[in-house]
């Protein structure tokens, strides 16, 4: 079971966030599906800013492509807010079950065990919306970094969704722990406990056309 709830889409990664790793070098963008490109990169430890080498894999999704569709994990059968919100599933199974091209981890969930049986009832931390239905409301200041999309795939990032913004017209939404980059400023050092962790991050291009999804892993 992944650390985060499955956020499937045609994919995504925050290209800007990987710049936090220090002197990154990326391969050229490679088309893998219509409207979806992929790249892989790593950082240099020579700068001294980060002593750990990390590898980042990034998906870039063209939200203006008419054939691209987004899908966030929907409600579970017999939905009960705060008790029984969604069904646990590995990312690969989520992709296969929903006949997707790309699927990536999403928000935090509970219970958080990695090897629980498939379809175990779970609750989600922070805002989650699928197909216009609220799966989990934003009812605390925790897990309040959110990305929201309307039915036309127009996205916006709410860096701290508290007090919670209106969800009128929101088709899909998912939340993370905290923002890493805001208006060009690195917030990674100001949040969390300072420990080094792999990241799963989401971002939008400045013009809103591209959705990026980053999966990074620490080497060694």
Protein backbone atom coordinates (compact mmCIF):
# COMPACT_ATOMS: atom_id res chain seq x y z
CA UNK A 1 0.00 0.00 0.00
CA UNK A 2 1.48 3.32 -0.95
CA UNK A 3 2.20 6.09 1.50
CA UNK A 4 -0.32 8.28 -0.25
CA UNK A 5 -3.81 7.77 -1.69
CA UNK A 6 -3.83 6.98 -5.36
CA UNK A 7 -4.17 10.12 -7.48
CA UNK A 8 -4.57 8.89 -10.95
CA UNK A 9 -4.62 11.01 -13.91
CA UNK A 10 -2.83 11.01 -16.89
CA UNK A 11 -0.03 11.77 -14.37
CA UNK A 12 2.00 14.66 -12.92
CA UNK A 13 5.06 16.08 -11.19
CA UNK A 14 6.33 19.36 -9.94
CA UNK A 15 9.35 20.15 -12.08
CA UNK A 16 10.10 23.19 -9.97
CA UNK A 17 10.20 21.18 -6.77
CA UNK A 18 12.94 18.90 -7.99
CA UNK A 19 15.14 21.99 -8.20
CA UNK A 20 15.28 21.82 -4.41
CA UNK A 21 17.63 18.88 -4.79
CA UNK A 22 20.51 21.06 -6.00
CA UNK A 23 21.96 21.31 -9.53
CA UNK A 24 19.58 18.84 -11.17
CA UNK A 25 20.23 17.35 -14.59
CA UNK A 26 17.33 15.97 -16.62
CA UNK A 27 16.96 13.80 -19.66
CA UNK A 28 14.97 15.26 -22.59
CA UNK A 29 11.18 15.06 -22.35
CA UNK A 30 10.02 11.77 -23.89
CA UNK A 31 6.44 11.28 -25.13
CA UNK A 32 4.94 8.13 -23.59
CA UNK A 33 1.23 8.68 -24.31
CA UNK A 34 -0.77 11.30 -26.13
CA UNK A 35 -0.50 14.45 -24.02
CA UNK A 36 1.93 12.90 -21.52
CA UNK A 37 5.72 13.27 -21.44
CA UNK A 38 8.29 11.81 -19.07
CA UNK A 39 11.78 12.72 -17.87
CA UNK A 40 14.20 11.48 -15.23
CA UNK A 41 16.87 13.49 -13.44
CA UNK A 42 19.30 13.52 -10.57
CA UNK A 43 21.06 16.15 -8.48
CA UNK A 44 24.71 16.89 -7.94
CA UNK A 45 26.07 16.70 -4.39
CA UNK A 46 28.97 19.01 -5.28
CA UNK A 47 27.04 22.10 -4.24
CA UNK A 48 27.12 20.96 -0.61
CA UNK A 49 23.50 22.02 -0.21
CA UNK A 50 22.34 18.39 -0.19
CA UNK A 51 24.63 15.57 0.78
CA UNK A 52 22.25 12.90 -0.50
CA UNK A 53 21.90 12.02 -4.14
CA UNK A 54 18.29 11.74 -5.25
CA UNK A 55 16.59 10.54 -8.41
CA UNK A 56 13.45 12.29 -9.63
CA UNK A 57 10.97 10.97 -12.18
CA UNK A 58 8.63 13.55 -13.65
CA UNK A 59 5.45 13.25 -15.69
CA UNK A 60 4.22 16.29 -17.62
CA UNK A 61 0.54 16.26 -18.58
CA UNK A 62 -0.91 18.62 -21.18
CA UNK A 63 -4.21 19.73 -19.66
CA UNK A 64 -5.18 21.36 -22.96
CA UNK A 65 -5.14 18.02 -24.76
CA UNK A 66 -8.85 17.15 -25.27
CA UNK A 67 -8.18 13.44 -24.77
CA UNK A 68 -6.56 13.82 -21.34
CA UNK A 69 -8.84 12.99 -18.41
CA UNK A 70 -8.21 13.26 -14.67
CA UNK A 71 -9.38 10.86 -11.98
CA UNK A 72 -8.96 11.05 -8.22
CA UNK A 73 -9.77 8.10 -5.98
CA UNK A 74 -13.57 7.98 -5.56
CA UNK A 75 -15.74 7.23 -2.56
CA UNK A 76 -16.01 3.70 -1.25
CA UNK A 77 -19.32 1.84 -1.31
CA UNK A 78 -21.38 2.61 1.80
CA UNK A 79 -19.47 5.85 2.20
CA UNK A 80 -19.37 7.27 5.74
CA UNK A 81 -17.49 10.59 6.22
CA UNK A 82 -14.63 10.36 8.71
CA UNK A 83 -15.10 6.61 9.07
CA UNK A 84 -15.26 4.95 5.69
CA UNK A 85 -14.24 7.30 2.87
CA UNK A 86 -12.31 5.37 0.23
CA UNK A 87 -10.99 1.91 -0.55
CA UNK A 88 -7.29 1.09 -0.17
CA UNK A 89 -5.56 -0.08 -3.33
CA UNK A 90 -2.02 -0.14 -4.66
CA UNK A 91 -1.23 2.34 -7.41
CA UNK A 92 -0.69 -0.42 -9.98
CA UNK A 93 -4.04 -2.01 -9.18
CA UNK A 94 -5.77 1.37 -9.30
CA UNK A 95 -4.31 1.92 -12.75
CA UNK A 96 -5.41 -1.50 -13.98
CA UNK A 97 -8.88 -1.36 -12.42
CA UNK A 98 -9.68 2.01 -13.94
CA UNK A 99 -7.92 1.33 -17.27
CA UNK A 100 -5.59 4.30 -16.94
CA UNK A 101 -2.34 5.16 -18.65
CA UNK A 102 -0.57 6.67 -15.64
CA UNK A 103 -1.36 6.64 -11.92
CA UNK A 104 0.63 8.24 -9.10
CA UNK A 105 0.36 8.45 -5.32
CA UNK A 106 -1.82 11.15 -3.83
CA UNK A 107 -2.75 12.21 -0.26
CA UNK A 108 -2.07 10.69 3.14
CA UNK A 109 -4.51 8.11 4.50
CA UNK A 110 -5.33 6.06 7.58
CA UNK A 111 -4.84 3.23 8.40
CA UNK A 112 -1.43 3.71 6.83
CA UNK A 113 -0.15 0.14 6.67
CA UNK A 114 1.48 -0.77 3.37
CA UNK A 115 0.24 -4.33 3.11
CA UNK A 116 -3.40 -4.17 4.15
CA UNK A 117 -5.91 -6.15 2.05
CA UNK A 118 -7.15 -4.46 -1.10
CA UNK A 119 -10.32 -2.37 -0.61
CA UNK A 120 -9.65 -1.87 3.11
CA UNK A 121 -11.86 1.10 4.17
CA UNK A 122 -9.75 4.21 4.78
CA UNK A 123 -10.05 7.87 5.63
CA UNK A 124 -8.07 10.59 3.85
CA UNK A 125 -6.11 13.44 5.43
CA UNK A 126 -7.07 16.80 3.94
CA UNK A 127 -9.35 17.68 1.07
CA UNK A 128 -10.17 15.03 -1.51
CA UNK A 129 -12.78 15.34 -4.26
CA UNK A 130 -13.54 12.89 -7.06
CA UNK A 131 -16.01 13.51 -9.86
CA UNK A 132 -17.49 16.47 -8.01
CA UNK A 133 -18.12 14.45 -4.83
CA UNK A 134 -16.32 15.32 -1.61
CA UNK A 135 -14.50 12.21 -0.43
CA UNK A 136 -12.78 13.99 2.47
CA UNK A 137 -13.36 17.60 3.64
CA UNK A 138 -10.64 20.01 4.72
CA UNK A 139 -11.56 20.25 8.39
CA UNK A 140 -8.19 21.12 9.99
CA UNK A 141 -5.07 23.12 9.17
CA UNK A 142 -3.07 19.90 8.74
CA UNK A 143 -2.47 18.38 5.30
CA UNK A 144 -3.65 21.63 3.76
CA UNK A 145 -1.55 21.98 0.60
CA UNK A 146 -4.14 21.26 -2.08
CA UNK A 147 -4.53 21.19 -5.84
CA UNK A 148 -8.02 21.60 -7.30
CA UNK A 149 -9.41 21.17 -10.83
CA UNK A 150 -12.73 22.13 -12.35
CA UNK A 151 -14.59 20.13 -14.98
CA UNK A 152 -12.54 21.81 -17.74
CA UNK A 153 -9.24 20.72 -16.14
CA UNK A 154 -8.41 24.26 -15.06
CA UNK A 155 -6.25 23.80 -11.99
CA UNK A 156 -5.16 25.92 -9.06
CA UNK A 157 -2.90 25.31 -6.10
CA UNK A 158 -3.94 26.40 -2.63
CA UNK A 159 -0.73 26.38 -0.64
CA UNK A 160 -2.47 26.45 2.75
CA UNK A 161 -6.12 25.49 2.46
CA UNK A 162 -7.19 26.84 5.83
CA UNK A 163 -9.66 28.34 6.32
CA UNK A 164 -10.85 25.99 3.61
CA UNK A 165 -11.71 27.48 0.23
CA UNK A 166 -15.06 26.92 -1.42
CA UNK A 167 -15.36 23.65 -3.33
CA UNK A 168 -18.14 24.88 -5.62
CA UNK A 169 -17.36 23.80 -9.18
CA UNK A 170 -14.43 21.59 -8.13
CA UNK A 171 -14.35 18.30 -10.04
CA UNK A 172 -11.19 16.76 -8.55
CA UNK A 173 -8.95 17.72 -5.66
CA UNK A 174 -6.25 16.19 -3.53
CA UNK A 175 -4.06 17.40 -0.66
CA UNK A 176 -0.51 16.94 0.54
CA UNK A 177 1.31 17.72 3.73
CA UNK A 178 2.75 21.18 2.99
CA UNK A 179 4.02 23.27 0.08
CA UNK A 180 7.66 22.96 -0.98
CA UNK A 181 7.84 25.87 -3.37
CA UNK A 182 5.85 29.11 -3.33
CA UNK A 183 6.39 32.05 -5.69
CA UNK A 184 9.90 30.83 -6.38
CA UNK A 185 10.82 30.48 -2.72
CA UNK A 186 12.04 27.18 -1.29
CA UNK A 187 9.84 26.35 1.70
CA UNK A 188 11.19 22.85 2.14
CA UNK A 189 13.60 23.95 4.88
CA UNK A 190 10.86 25.80 6.78
CA UNK A 191 8.40 22.93 7.05
CA UNK A 192 8.55 19.45 8.51
CA UNK A 193 11.24 18.43 10.98
CA UNK A 194 14.27 18.90 8.75
CA UNK A 195 14.72 15.20 8.04
CA UNK A 196 15.53 14.02 4.53
CA UNK A 197 12.68 12.13 2.89
CA UNK A 198 11.74 11.04 -0.62
CA UNK A 199 9.08 13.26 -2.13
CA UNK A 200 5.93 12.81 -4.13
CA UNK A 201 4.86 16.25 -5.32
CA UNK A 202 2.46 17.95 -7.70
CA UNK A 203 2.64 21.26 -9.50
CA UNK A 204 1.28 23.41 -12.32
CA UNK A 205 3.07 25.44 -14.96
CA UNK A 206 2.70 29.19 -14.59
CA UNK A 207 0.25 29.36 -17.49
CA UNK A 208 -1.77 26.43 -16.12
CA UNK A 209 -1.31 24.30 -19.22
CA UNK A 210 0.87 21.58 -17.75
CA UNK A 211 0.37 19.41 -14.72
CA UNK A 212 3.59 18.00 -13.28
CA UNK A 213 4.02 15.03 -10.97
CA UNK A 214 7.32 14.28 -9.28
CA UNK A 215 8.42 11.05 -7.64
CA UNK A 216 11.84 11.35 -6.02
CA UNK A 217 13.86 8.80 -4.12
CA UNK A 218 16.94 9.20 -1.96
CA UNK A 219 19.93 7.10 -3.02
CA UNK A 220 21.73 5.34 -0.19
